[in-house]
Amino acid sequence: MAEGLNKPVKLKADLAQFCGTGELSRSAITQKFWDYIKANKLQAKTANGTASGEGKFIVADEKLLPIFKATNVTTKSGKTVDFRNMQVGQTIDMLQLASVVGANIE
């Protein structure tokens, strides 16, 4: 039986559409994000910088935006991650991808 990051979880609608399935493990979800981000060169070197295909920031495009905008969570350290007002072209730090995944699963 799979546990932890390899345990299948139920995906909310926008993430399920992005991943092409309604259930995946957290590690598989993260891999789908990175495959898409790299294939579309959606990384930037600076916050809200231009997508250049490299860097620690992920640039929101039309496909990622609905998923990012569903993110409004409080991390274990007490920090609020709220992307509800995000626009196309804005960025998130790649370390915030775990918060995006967590906010988009049931």
PDB file of N, CA and C in Angstrom:
ATOM      1  N   MET A   1       0.839  -1.191   0.000  1.00  0.00           N
ATOM      2  CA  MET A   1       0.000   0.000   0.000  1.00  0.00           C
ATOM      3  C   MET A   1       0.880   1.250   0.000  1.00  0.00           C
ATOM      4  N   ALA A   2       0.585   2.187  -0.875  1.00  0.00           N
ATOM      5  CA  ALA A   2       1.370   3.411  -0.996  1.00  0.00           C
ATOM      6  C   ALA A   2       1.088   4.338   0.179  1.00  0.00           C
ATOM      7  N   GLU A   3       2.145   5.018   0.630  1.00  0.00           N
ATOM      8  CA  GLU A   3       2.010   5.944   1.740  1.00  0.00           C
ATOM      9  C   GLU A   3       2.701   7.259   1.422  1.00  0.00           C
ATOM     10  N   GLY A   4       2.431   8.286   2.241  1.00  0.00           N
ATOM     11  CA  GLY A   4       3.112   9.567   2.105  1.00  0.00           C
ATOM     12  C   GLY A   4       2.905  10.196   0.745  1.00  0.00           C
ATOM     13  N   LEU A   5       4.009  10.641   0.141  1.00  0.00           N
ATOM     14  CA  LEU A   5       3.955  11.333  -1.146  1.00  0.00           C
ATOM     15  C   LEU A   5       3.529  10.434  -2.295  1.00  0.00           C
ATOM     16  N   ASN A   6       3.602   9.113  -2.087  1.00  0.00           N
ATOM     17  CA  ASN A   6       3.227   8.174  -3.147  1.00  0.00           C
ATOM     18  C   ASN A   6       1.798   7.654  -3.029  1.00  0.00           C
ATOM     19  N   LYS A   7       1.092   8.083  -1.985  1.00  0.00           N
ATOM     20  CA  LYS A   7      -0.299   7.667  -1.789  1.00  0.00           C
ATOM     21  C   LYS A   7      -1.198   8.467  -2.732  1.00  0.00           C
ATOM     22  N   PRO A   8      -2.043   7.800  -3.523  1.00  0.00           N
ATOM     23  CA  PRO A   8      -2.956   8.535  -4.411  1.00  0.00           C
ATOM     24  C   PRO A   8      -3.916   9.419  -3.622  1.00  0.00           C
ATOM     25  N   VAL A   9      -4.146  10.623  -4.129  1.00  0.00           N
ATOM     26  CA  VAL A   9      -5.081  11.567  -3.524  1.00  0.00           C
ATOM     27  C   VAL A   9      -6.068  12.015  -4.598  1.00  0.00           C
ATOM     28  N   LYS A  10      -7.232  12.488  -4.164  1.00  0.00           N
ATOM     29  CA  LYS A  10      -8.264  12.963  -5.090  1.00  0.00           C
ATOM     30  C   LYS A  10      -7.948  14.410  -5.459  1.00  0.00           C
ATOM     31  N   LEU A  11      -7.986  14.706  -6.754  1.00  0.00           N
ATOM     32  CA  LEU A  11      -7.665  16.037  -7.258  1.00  0.00           C
ATOM     33  C   LEU A  11      -8.932  16.863  -7.444  1.00  0.00           C
ATOM     34  N   LYS A  12      -8.849  18.153  -7.116  1.00  0.00           N
ATOM     35  CA  LYS A  12      -9.950  19.066  -7.393  1.00  0.00           C
ATOM     36  C   LYS A  12     -10.020  19.281  -8.904  1.00  0.00           C
ATOM     37  N   ALA A  13     -11.140  19.810  -9.378  1.00  0.00           N
ATOM     38  CA  ALA A  13     -11.470  19.861 -10.808  1.00  0.00           C
ATOM     39  C   ALA A  13     -10.384  20.456 -11.706  1.00  0.00           C
ATOM     40  N   ASP A  14      -9.875  21.656 -11.387  1.00  0.00           N
ATOM     41  CA  ASP A  14      -8.885  22.293 -12.269  1.00  0.00           C
ATOM     42  C   ASP A  14      -7.592  21.492 -12.336  1.00  0.00           C
ATOM     43  N   LEU A  15      -7.156  20.963 -11.207  1.00  0.00           N
ATOM     44  CA  LEU A  15      -5.933  20.161 -11.193  1.00  0.00           C
ATOM     45  C   LEU A  15      -6.159  18.839 -11.907  1.00  0.00           C
ATOM     46  N   ALA A  16      -7.332  18.243 -11.736  1.00  0.00           N
ATOM     47  CA  ALA A  16      -7.653  16.989 -12.428  1.00  0.00           C
ATOM     48  C   ALA A  16      -7.634  17.193 -13.941  1.00  0.00           C
ATOM     49  N   GLN A  17      -8.167  18.311 -14.397  1.00  0.00           N
ATOM     50  CA  GLN A  17      -8.150  18.613 -15.828  1.00  0.00           C
ATOM     51  C   GLN A  17      -6.710  18.782 -16.312  1.00  0.00           C
ATOM     52  N   PHE A  18      -5.893  19.488 -15.557  1.00  0.00           N
ATOM     53  CA  PHE A  18      -4.488  19.704 -15.920  1.00  0.00           C
ATOM     54  C   PHE A  18      -3.732  18.370 -15.996  1.00  0.00           C
ATOM     55  N   CYS A  19      -3.969  17.491 -15.006  1.00  0.00           N
ATOM     56  CA  CYS A  19      -3.247  16.223 -14.926  1.00  0.00           C
ATOM     57  C   CYS A  19      -3.843  15.129 -15.811  1.00  0.00           C
ATOM     58  N   GLY A  20      -5.092  15.318 -16.222  1.00  0.00           N
ATOM     59  CA  GLY A  20      -5.735  14.321 -17.072  1.00  0.00           C
ATOM     60  C   GLY A  20      -6.277  13.123 -16.318  1.00  0.00           C
ATOM     61  N   THR A  21      -6.423  13.259 -15.009  1.00  0.00           N
ATOM     62  CA  THR A  21      -6.957  12.179 -14.179  1.00  0.00           C
ATOM     63  C   THR A  21      -7.468  12.768 -12.872  1.00  0.00           C
ATOM     64  N   GLY A  22      -8.336  12.038 -12.192  1.00  0.00           N
ATOM     65  CA  GLY A  22      -8.911  12.523 -10.947  1.00  0.00           C
ATOM     66  C   GLY A  22      -8.178  12.102  -9.697  1.00  0.00           C
ATOM     67  N   GLU A  23      -7.166  11.251  -9.857  1.00  0.00           N
ATOM     68  CA  GLU A  23      -6.437  10.751  -8.686  1.00  0.00           C
ATOM     69  C   GLU A  23      -4.979  10.469  -9.059  1.00  0.00           C
ATOM     70  N   LEU A  24      -4.065  11.019  -8.274  1.00  0.00           N
ATOM     71  CA  LEU A  24      -2.619  10.816  -8.459  1.00  0.00           C
ATOM     72  C   LEU A  24      -1.937  10.984  -7.113  1.00  0.00           C
ATOM     73  N   SER A  25      -0.708  10.534  -7.022  1.00  0.00           N
ATOM     74  CA  SER A  25       0.080  10.789  -5.818  1.00  0.00           C
ATOM     75  C   SER A  25       0.627  12.220  -5.874  1.00  0.00           C
ATOM     76  N   ARG A  26       0.984  12.776  -4.720  1.00  0.00           N
ATOM     77  CA  ARG A  26       1.554  14.124  -4.680  1.00  0.00           C
ATOM     78  C   ARG A  26       2.829  14.209  -5.517  1.00  0.00           C
ATOM     79  N   SER A  27       3.655  13.171  -5.458  1.00  0.00           N
ATOM     80  CA  SER A  27       4.901  13.202  -6.236  1.00  0.00           C
ATOM     81  C   SER A  27       4.605  13.180  -7.736  1.00  0.00           C
ATOM     82  N   ALA A  28       3.587  12.425  -8.165  1.00  0.00           N
ATOM     83  CA  ALA A  28       3.217  12.392  -9.579  1.00  0.00           C
ATOM     84  C   ALA A  28       2.634  13.733 -10.026  1.00  0.00           C
ATOM     85  N   ILE A  29       1.871  14.395  -9.151  1.00  0.00           N
ATOM     86  CA  ILE A  29       1.316  15.713  -9.464  1.00  0.00           C
ATOM     87  C   ILE A  29       2.455  16.704  -9.670  1.00  0.00           C
ATOM     88  N   THR A  30       3.401  16.701  -8.744  1.00  0.00           N
ATOM     89  CA  THR A  30       4.545  17.604  -8.833  1.00  0.00           C
ATOM     90  C   THR A  30       5.331  17.348 -10.114  1.00  0.00           C
ATOM     91  N   GLN A  31       5.502  16.083 -10.468  1.00  0.00           N
ATOM     92  CA  GLN A  31       6.217  15.744 -11.705  1.00  0.00           C
ATOM     93  C   GLN A  31       5.469  16.273 -12.924  1.00  0.00           C
ATOM     94  N   LYS A  32       4.135  16.188 -12.935  1.00  0.00           N
ATOM     95  CA  LYS A  32       3.345  16.724 -14.055  1.00  0.00           C
ATOM     96  C   LYS A  32       3.540  18.234 -14.175  1.00  0.00           C
ATOM     97  N   PHE A  33       3.538  18.932 -13.018  1.00  0.00           N
ATOM     98  CA  PHE A  33       3.795  20.370 -13.036  1.00  0.00           C
ATOM     99  C   PHE A  33       5.155  20.659 -13.666  1.00  0.00           C
ATOM    100  N   TRP A  34       6.191  19.984 -13.180  1.00  0.00           N
ATOM    101  CA  TRP A  34       7.539  20.273 -13.677  1.00  0.00           C
ATOM    102  C   TRP A  34       7.704  19.901 -15.136  1.00  0.00           C
ATOM    103  N   ASP A  35       7.103  18.827 -15.584  1.00  0.00           N
ATOM    104  CA  ASP A  35       7.164  18.469 -17.004  1.00  0.00           C
ATOM    105  C   ASP A  35       6.557  19.595 -17.845  1.00  0.00           C
ATOM    106  N   TYR A  36       5.409  20.105 -17.417  1.00  0.00           N
ATOM    107  CA  TYR A  36       4.725  21.177 -18.142  1.00  0.00           C
ATOM    108  C   TYR A  36       5.533  22.483 -18.084  1.00  0.00           C
ATOM    109  N   ILE A  37       6.007  22.834 -16.895  1.00  0.00           N
ATOM    110  CA  ILE A  37       6.766  24.077 -16.711  1.00  0.00           C
ATOM    111  C   ILE A  37       8.016  24.075 -17.584  1.00  0.00           C
ATOM    112  N   LYS A  38       8.736  22.969 -17.585  1.00  0.00           N
ATOM    113  CA  LYS A  38       9.969  22.882 -18.382  1.00  0.00           C
ATOM    114  C   LYS A  38       9.674  22.848 -19.875  1.00  0.00           C
ATOM    115  N   ALA A  39       8.666  22.101 -20.290  1.00  0.00           N
ATOM    116  CA  ALA A  39       8.321  22.007 -21.713  1.00  0.00           C
ATOM    117  C   ALA A  39       7.893  23.359 -22.280  1.00  0.00           C
ATOM    118  N   ASN A  40       7.301  24.198 -21.432  1.00  0.00           N
ATOM    119  CA  ASN A  40       6.804  25.496 -21.877  1.00  0.00           C
ATOM    120  C   ASN A  40       7.699  26.662 -21.443  1.00  0.00           C
ATOM    121  N   LYS A  41       8.878  26.325 -20.894  1.00  0.00           N
ATOM    122  CA  LYS A  41       9.872  27.328 -20.476  1.00  0.00           C
ATOM    123  C   LYS A  41       9.251  28.397 -19.567  1.00  0.00           C
ATOM    124  N   LEU A  42       8.521  27.946 -18.542  1.00  0.00           N
ATOM    125  CA  LEU A  42       7.810  28.853 -17.644  1.00  0.00           C
ATOM    126  C   LEU A  42       8.566  29.143 -16.355  1.00  0.00           C
ATOM    127  N   GLN A  43       9.883  29.199 -16.442  1.00  0.00           N
ATOM    128  CA  GLN A  43      10.685  29.584 -15.285  1.00  0.00           C
ATOM    129  C   GLN A  43      11.300  30.951 -15.541  1.00  0.00           C
ATOM    130  N   ALA A  44      11.437  31.737 -14.483  1.00  0.00           N
ATOM    131  CA  ALA A  44      12.034  33.068 -14.560  1.00  0.00           C
ATOM    132  C   ALA A  44      13.075  33.209 -13.462  1.00  0.00           C
ATOM    133  N   LYS A  45      14.053  34.050 -13.689  1.00  0.00           N
ATOM    134  CA  LYS A  45      15.127  34.248 -12.713  1.00  0.00           C
ATOM    135  C   LYS A  45      14.728  35.200 -11.589  1.00  0.00           C
ATOM    136  N   THR A  46      13.715  36.050 -11.830  1.00  0.00           N
ATOM    137  CA  THR A  46      13.294  37.017 -10.820  1.00  0.00           C
ATOM    138  C   THR A  46      11.776  36.950 -10.626  1.00  0.00           C
ATOM    139  N   ALA A  47      11.325  37.401  -9.468  1.00  0.00           N
ATOM    140  CA  ALA A  47       9.890  37.446  -9.195  1.00  0.00           C
ATOM    141  C   ALA A  47       9.216  38.330 -10.235  1.00  0.00           C
ATOM    142  N   ASN A  48       8.157  37.822 -10.839  1.00  0.00           N
ATOM    143  CA  ASN A  48       7.399  38.510 -11.882  1.00  0.00           C
ATOM    144  C   ASN A  48       8.263  38.894 -13.078  1.00  0.00           C
ATOM    145  N   GLY A  49       9.362  38.132 -13.266  1.00  0.00           N
ATOM    146  CA  GLY A  49      10.234  38.345 -14.419  1.00  0.00           C
ATOM    147  C   GLY A  49       9.696  37.625 -15.641  1.00  0.00           C
ATOM    148  N   THR A  50      10.382  37.812 -16.742  1.00  0.00           N
ATOM    149  CA  THR A  50       9.996  37.205 -18.006  1.00  0.00           C
ATOM    150  C   THR A  50      10.394  35.734 -18.020  1.00  0.00           C
ATOM    151  N   ALA A  51       9.510  34.892 -18.527  1.00  0.00           N
ATOM    152  CA  ALA A  51       9.803  33.463 -18.644  1.00  0.00           C
ATOM    153  C   ALA A  51      11.013  33.275 -19.553  1.00  0.00           C
ATOM    154  N   SER A  52      12.022  32.582 -19.029  1.00  0.00           N
ATOM    155  CA  SER A  52      13.239  32.371 -19.801  1.00  0.00           C
ATOM    156  C   SER A  52      13.623  30.899 -19.863  1.00  0.00           C
ATOM    157  N   GLY A  53      12.858  30.053 -19.160  1.00  0.00           N
ATOM    158  CA  GLY A  53      13.168  28.632 -19.154  1.00  0.00           C
ATOM    159  C   GLY A  53      14.126  28.229 -18.057  1.00  0.00           C
ATOM    160  N   GLU A  54      14.559  29.185 -17.243  1.00  0.00           N
ATOM    161  CA  GLU A  54      15.423  28.853 -16.115  1.00  0.00           C
ATOM    162  C   GLU A  54      15.182  29.838 -14.979  1.00  0.00           C
ATOM    163  N   GLY A  55      15.490  29.399 -13.766  1.00  0.00           N
ATOM    164  CA  GLY A  55      15.301  30.244 -12.602  1.00  0.00           C
ATOM    165  C   GLY A  55      14.395  29.583 -11.581  1.00  0.00           C
ATOM    166  N   LYS A  56      14.269  30.223 -10.416  1.00  0.00           N
ATOM    167  CA  LYS A  56      13.523  29.617  -9.310  1.00  0.00           C
ATOM    168  C   LYS A  56      12.070  30.082  -9.213  1.00  0.00           C
ATOM    169  N   PHE A  57      11.626  30.888 -10.180  1.00  0.00           N
ATOM    170  CA  PHE A  57      10.249  31.359 -10.168  1.00  0.00           C
ATOM    171  C   PHE A  57       9.467  30.721 -11.305  1.00  0.00           C
ATOM    172  N   ILE A  58       8.212  30.369 -11.021  1.00  0.00           N
ATOM    173  CA  ILE A  58       7.330  29.742 -12.010  1.00  0.00           C
ATOM    174  C   ILE A  58       6.349  30.807 -12.497  1.00  0.00           C
ATOM    175  N   VAL A  59       6.293  30.984 -13.810  1.00  0.00           N
ATOM    176  CA  VAL A  59       5.435  31.993 -14.421  1.00  0.00           C
ATOM    177  C   VAL A  59       4.064  31.380 -14.731  1.00  0.00           C
ATOM    178  N   ALA A  60       3.014  32.037 -14.259  1.00  0.00           N
ATOM    179  CA  ALA A  60       1.648  31.558 -14.506  1.00  0.00           C
ATOM    180  C   ALA A  60       1.257  31.839 -15.952  1.00  0.00           C
ATOM    181  N   ASP A  61       0.771  30.811 -16.623  1.00  0.00           N
ATOM    182  CA  ASP A  61       0.190  30.983 -17.949  1.00  0.00           C
ATOM    183  C   ASP A  61      -1.297  30.669 -17.846  1.00  0.00           C
ATOM    184  N   GLU A  62      -2.004  30.687 -18.974  1.00  0.00           N
ATOM    185  CA  GLU A  62      -3.455  30.458 -18.965  1.00  0.00           C
ATOM    186  C   GLU A  62      -3.843  29.095 -18.396  1.00  0.00           C
ATOM    187  N   LYS A  63      -2.997  28.100 -18.580  1.00  0.00           N
ATOM    188  CA  LYS A  63      -3.310  26.744 -18.117  1.00  0.00           C
ATOM    189  C   LYS A  63      -3.046  26.582 -16.611  1.00  0.00           C
ATOM    190  N   LEU A  64      -1.986  27.220 -16.102  1.00  0.00           N
ATOM    191  CA  LEU A  64      -1.646  27.109 -14.678  1.00  0.00           C
ATOM    192  C   LEU A  64      -2.460  28.061 -13.804  1.00  0.00           C
ATOM    193  N   LEU A  65      -2.885  29.187 -14.368  1.00  0.00           N
ATOM    194  CA  LEU A  65      -3.543  30.219 -13.568  1.00  0.00           C
ATOM    195  C   LEU A  65      -4.736  29.727 -12.752  1.00  0.00           C
ATOM    196  N   PRO A  66      -5.684  28.951 -13.307  1.00  0.00           N
ATOM    197  CA  PRO A  66      -6.821  28.509 -12.484  1.00  0.00           C
ATOM    198  C   PRO A  66      -6.385  27.661 -11.281  1.00  0.00           C
ATOM    199  N   ILE A  67      -5.327  26.894 -11.449  1.00  0.00           N
ATOM    200  CA  ILE A  67      -4.821  26.066 -10.355  1.00  0.00           C
ATOM    201  C   ILE A  67      -4.169  26.950  -9.304  1.00  0.00           C
ATOM    202  N   PHE A  68      -3.317  27.866  -9.746  1.00  0.00           N
ATOM    203  CA  PHE A  68      -2.660  28.779  -8.809  1.00  0.00           C
ATOM    204  C   PHE A  68      -3.688  29.614  -8.051  1.00  0.00           C
ATOM    205  N   LYS A  69      -4.728  30.103  -8.753  1.00  0.00           N
ATOM    206  CA  LYS A  69      -5.726  30.972  -8.121  1.00  0.00           C
ATOM    207  C   LYS A  69      -6.578  30.239  -7.080  1.00  0.00           C
ATOM    208  N   ALA A  70      -6.564  28.921  -7.090  1.00  0.00           N
ATOM    209  CA  ALA A  70      -7.300  28.138  -6.090  1.00  0.00           C
ATOM    210  C   ALA A  70      -6.489  27.971  -4.804  1.00  0.00           C
ATOM    211  N   THR A  71      -5.321  28.596  -4.751  1.00  0.00           N
ATOM    212  CA  THR A  71      -4.421  28.437  -3.608  1.00  0.00           C
ATOM    213  C   THR A  71      -4.605  29.554  -2.599  1.00  0.00           C
ATOM    214  N   ASN A  72      -5.085  29.181  -1.423  1.00  0.00           N
ATOM    215  CA  ASN A  72      -5.209  30.077  -0.277  1.00  0.00           C
ATOM    216  C   ASN A  72      -5.096  29.190   0.958  1.00  0.00           C
ATOM    217  N   VAL A  73      -3.856  29.003   1.420  1.00  0.00           N
ATOM    218  CA  VAL A  73      -3.592  28.086   2.517  1.00  0.00           C
ATOM    219  C   VAL A  73      -2.655  28.724   3.541  1.00  0.00           C
ATOM    220  N   THR A  74      -2.644  28.162   4.723  1.00  0.00           N
ATOM    221  CA  THR A  74      -1.691  28.547   5.749  1.00  0.00           C
ATOM    222  C   THR A  74      -0.712  27.394   5.917  1.00  0.00           C
ATOM    223  N   THR A  75       0.568  27.683   5.785  1.00  0.00           N
ATOM    224  CA  THR A  75       1.593  26.651   5.885  1.00  0.00           C
ATOM    225  C   THR A  75       1.771  26.217   7.326  1.00  0.00           C
ATOM    226  N   LYS A  76       2.513  25.134   7.514  1.00  0.00           N
ATOM    227  CA  LYS A  76       2.775  24.637   8.880  1.00  0.00           C
ATOM    228  C   LYS A  76       3.501  25.675   9.721  1.00  0.00           C
ATOM    229  N   SER A  77       4.288  26.545   9.075  1.00  0.00           N
ATOM    230  CA  SER A  77       5.018  27.586   9.799  1.00  0.00           C
ATOM    231  C   SER A  77       4.148  28.807  10.087  1.00  0.00           C
ATOM    232  N   GLY A  78       2.873  28.769   9.615  1.00  0.00           N
ATOM    233  CA  GLY A  78       1.940  29.849   9.898  1.00  0.00           C
ATOM    234  C   GLY A  78       1.874  30.923   8.823  1.00  0.00           C
ATOM    235  N   LYS A  79       2.615  30.775   7.736  1.00  0.00           N
ATOM    236  CA  LYS A  79       2.611  31.759   6.656  1.00  0.00           C
ATOM    237  C   LYS A  79       1.415  31.508   5.731  1.00  0.00           C
ATOM    238  N   THR A  80       0.739  32.582   5.328  1.00  0.00           N
ATOM    239  CA  THR A  80      -0.383  32.464   4.412  1.00  0.00           C
ATOM    240  C   THR A  80       0.128  32.537   2.975  1.00  0.00           C
ATOM    241  N   VAL A  81      -0.325  31.586   2.158  1.00  0.00           N
ATOM    242  CA  VAL A  81      -0.008  31.567   0.727  1.00  0.00           C
ATOM    243  C   VAL A  81      -1.338  31.775   0.006  1.00  0.00           C
ATOM    244  N   ASP A  82      -1.507  32.960  -0.568  1.00  0.00           N
ATOM    245  CA  ASP A  82      -2.776  33.338  -1.188  1.00  0.00           C
ATOM    246  C   ASP A  82      -2.527  33.848  -2.606  1.00  0.00           C
ATOM    247  N   PHE A  83      -2.912  33.053  -3.594  1.00  0.00           N
ATOM    248  CA  PHE A  83      -2.719  33.417  -4.998  1.00  0.00           C
ATOM    249  C   PHE A  83      -4.047  33.725  -5.696  1.00  0.00           C
ATOM    250  N   ARG A  84      -5.101  33.981  -4.925  1.00  0.00           N
ATOM    251  CA  ARG A  84      -6.429  34.174  -5.513  1.00  0.00           C
ATOM    252  C   ARG A  84      -6.515  35.358  -6.470  1.00  0.00           C
ATOM    253  N   ASN A  85      -5.652  36.349  -6.317  1.00  0.00           N
ATOM    254  CA  ASN A  85      -5.688  37.531  -7.185  1.00  0.00           C
ATOM    255  C   ASN A  85      -4.596  37.508  -8.248  1.00  0.00           C
ATOM    256  N   MET A  86      -3.974  36.372  -8.440  1.00  0.00           N
ATOM    257  CA  MET A  86      -2.873  36.240  -9.386  1.00  0.00           C
ATOM    258  C   MET A  86      -3.345  36.468 -10.819  1.00  0.00           C
ATOM    259  N   GLN A  87      -2.447  36.987 -11.642  1.00  0.00           N
ATOM    260  CA  GLN A  87      -2.733  37.237 -13.050  1.00  0.00           C
ATOM    261  C   GLN A  87      -1.725  36.479 -13.924  1.00  0.00           C
ATOM    262  N   VAL A  88      -2.074  36.254 -15.172  1.00  0.00           N
ATOM    263  CA  VAL A  88      -1.150  35.636 -16.124  1.00  0.00           C
ATOM    264  C   VAL A  88       0.124  36.476 -16.170  1.00  0.00           C
ATOM    265  N   GLY A  89       1.275  35.795 -16.149  1.00  0.00           N
ATOM    266  CA  GLY A  89       2.564  36.478 -16.215  1.00  0.00           C
ATOM    267  C   GLY A  89       3.193  36.711 -14.857  1.00  0.00           C
ATOM    268  N   GLN A  90       2.390  36.618 -13.783  1.00  0.00           N
ATOM    269  CA  GLN A  90       2.964  36.740 -12.450  1.00  0.00           C
ATOM    270  C   GLN A  90       3.604  35.415 -12.069  1.00  0.00           C
ATOM    271  N   THR A  91       4.438  35.446 -11.041  1.00  0.00           N
ATOM    272  CA  THR A  91       5.200  34.256 -10.669  1.00  0.00           C
ATOM    273  C   THR A  91       4.947  33.813  -9.239  1.00  0.00           C
ATOM    274  N   ILE A  92       5.290  32.545  -8.997  1.00  0.00           N
ATOM    275  CA  ILE A  92       5.375  32.018  -7.642  1.00  0.00           C
ATOM    276  C   ILE A  92       6.781  31.466  -7.483  1.00  0.00           C
ATOM    277  N   ASP A  93       7.263  31.424  -6.255  1.00  0.00           N
ATOM    278  CA  ASP A  93       8.543  30.794  -5.971  1.00  0.00           C
ATOM    279  C   ASP A  93       8.346  29.289  -6.104  1.00  0.00           C
ATOM    280  N   MET A  94       9.312  28.599  -6.684  1.00  0.00           N
ATOM    281  CA  MET A  94       9.143  27.160  -6.901  1.00  0.00           C
ATOM    282  C   MET A  94       8.919  26.403  -5.588  1.00  0.00           C
ATOM    283  N   LEU A  95       9.373  26.954  -4.470  1.00  0.00           N
ATOM    284  CA  LEU A  95       9.156  26.304  -3.182  1.00  0.00           C
ATOM    285  C   LEU A  95       7.691  26.364  -2.756  1.00  0.00           C
ATOM    286  N   GLN A  96       6.902  27.230  -3.393  1.00  0.00           N
ATOM    287  CA  GLN A  96       5.479  27.348  -3.078  1.00  0.00           C
ATOM    288  C   GLN A  96       4.630  26.342  -3.847  1.00  0.00           C
ATOM    289  N   LEU A  97       5.254  25.561  -4.730  1.00  0.00           N
ATOM    290  CA  LEU A  97       4.511  24.577  -5.507  1.00  0.00           C
ATOM    291  C   LEU A  97       3.847  23.538  -4.609  1.00  0.00           C
ATOM    292  N   ALA A  98       4.483  23.186  -3.490  1.00  0.00           N
ATOM    293  CA  ALA A  98       3.884  22.236  -2.550  1.00  0.00           C
ATOM    294  C   ALA A  98       2.575  22.796  -1.984  1.00  0.00           C
ATOM    295  N   SER A  99       2.519  24.097  -1.734  1.00  0.00           N
ATOM    296  CA  SER A  99       1.281  24.729  -1.246  1.00  0.00           C
ATOM    297  C   SER A  99       0.198  24.682  -2.306  1.00  0.00           C
ATOM    298  N   VAL A 100       0.578  24.875  -3.571  1.00  0.00           N
ATOM    299  CA  VAL A 100      -0.375  24.797  -4.680  1.00  0.00           C
ATOM    300  C   VAL A 100      -0.958  23.394  -4.769  1.00  0.00           C
ATOM    301  N   VAL A 101      -0.091  22.387  -4.685  1.00  0.00           N
ATOM    302  CA  VAL A 101      -0.567  21.001  -4.739  1.00  0.00           C
ATOM    303  C   VAL A 101      -1.513  20.749  -3.562  1.00  0.00           C
ATOM    304  N   GLY A 102      -1.111  21.110  -2.362  1.00  0.00           N
ATOM    305  CA  GLY A 102      -1.922  20.878  -1.176  1.00  0.00           C
ATOM    306  C   GLY A 102      -3.289  21.544  -1.233  1.00  0.00           C
ATOM    307  N   ALA A 103      -3.357  22.728  -1.850  1.00  0.00           N
ATOM    308  CA  ALA A 103      -4.622  23.467  -1.938  1.00  0.00           C
ATOM    309  C   ALA A 103      -5.546  22.889  -3.000  1.00  0.00           C
ATOM    310  N   ASN A 104      -5.020  22.053  -3.891  1.00  0.00           N
ATOM    311  CA  ASN A 104      -5.804  21.567  -5.017  1.00  0.00           C
ATOM    312  C   ASN A 104      -6.109  20.081  -4.955  1.00  0.00           C
ATOM    313  N   ILE A 105      -5.956  19.498  -3.776  1.00  0.00           N
ATOM    314  CA  ILE A 105      -6.340  18.108  -3.567  1.00  0.00           C
ATOM    315  C   ILE A 105      -7.374  18.042  -2.450  1.00  0.00           C
ATOM    316  N   GLU A 106      -8.126  16.945  -2.433  1.00  0.00           N
ATOM    317  CA  GLU A 106      -9.172  16.812  -1.392  1.00  0.00           C
ATOM    318  C   GLU A 106      -8.724  15.854  -0.317  1.00  0.00           C
TER     319      GLU A 106
END
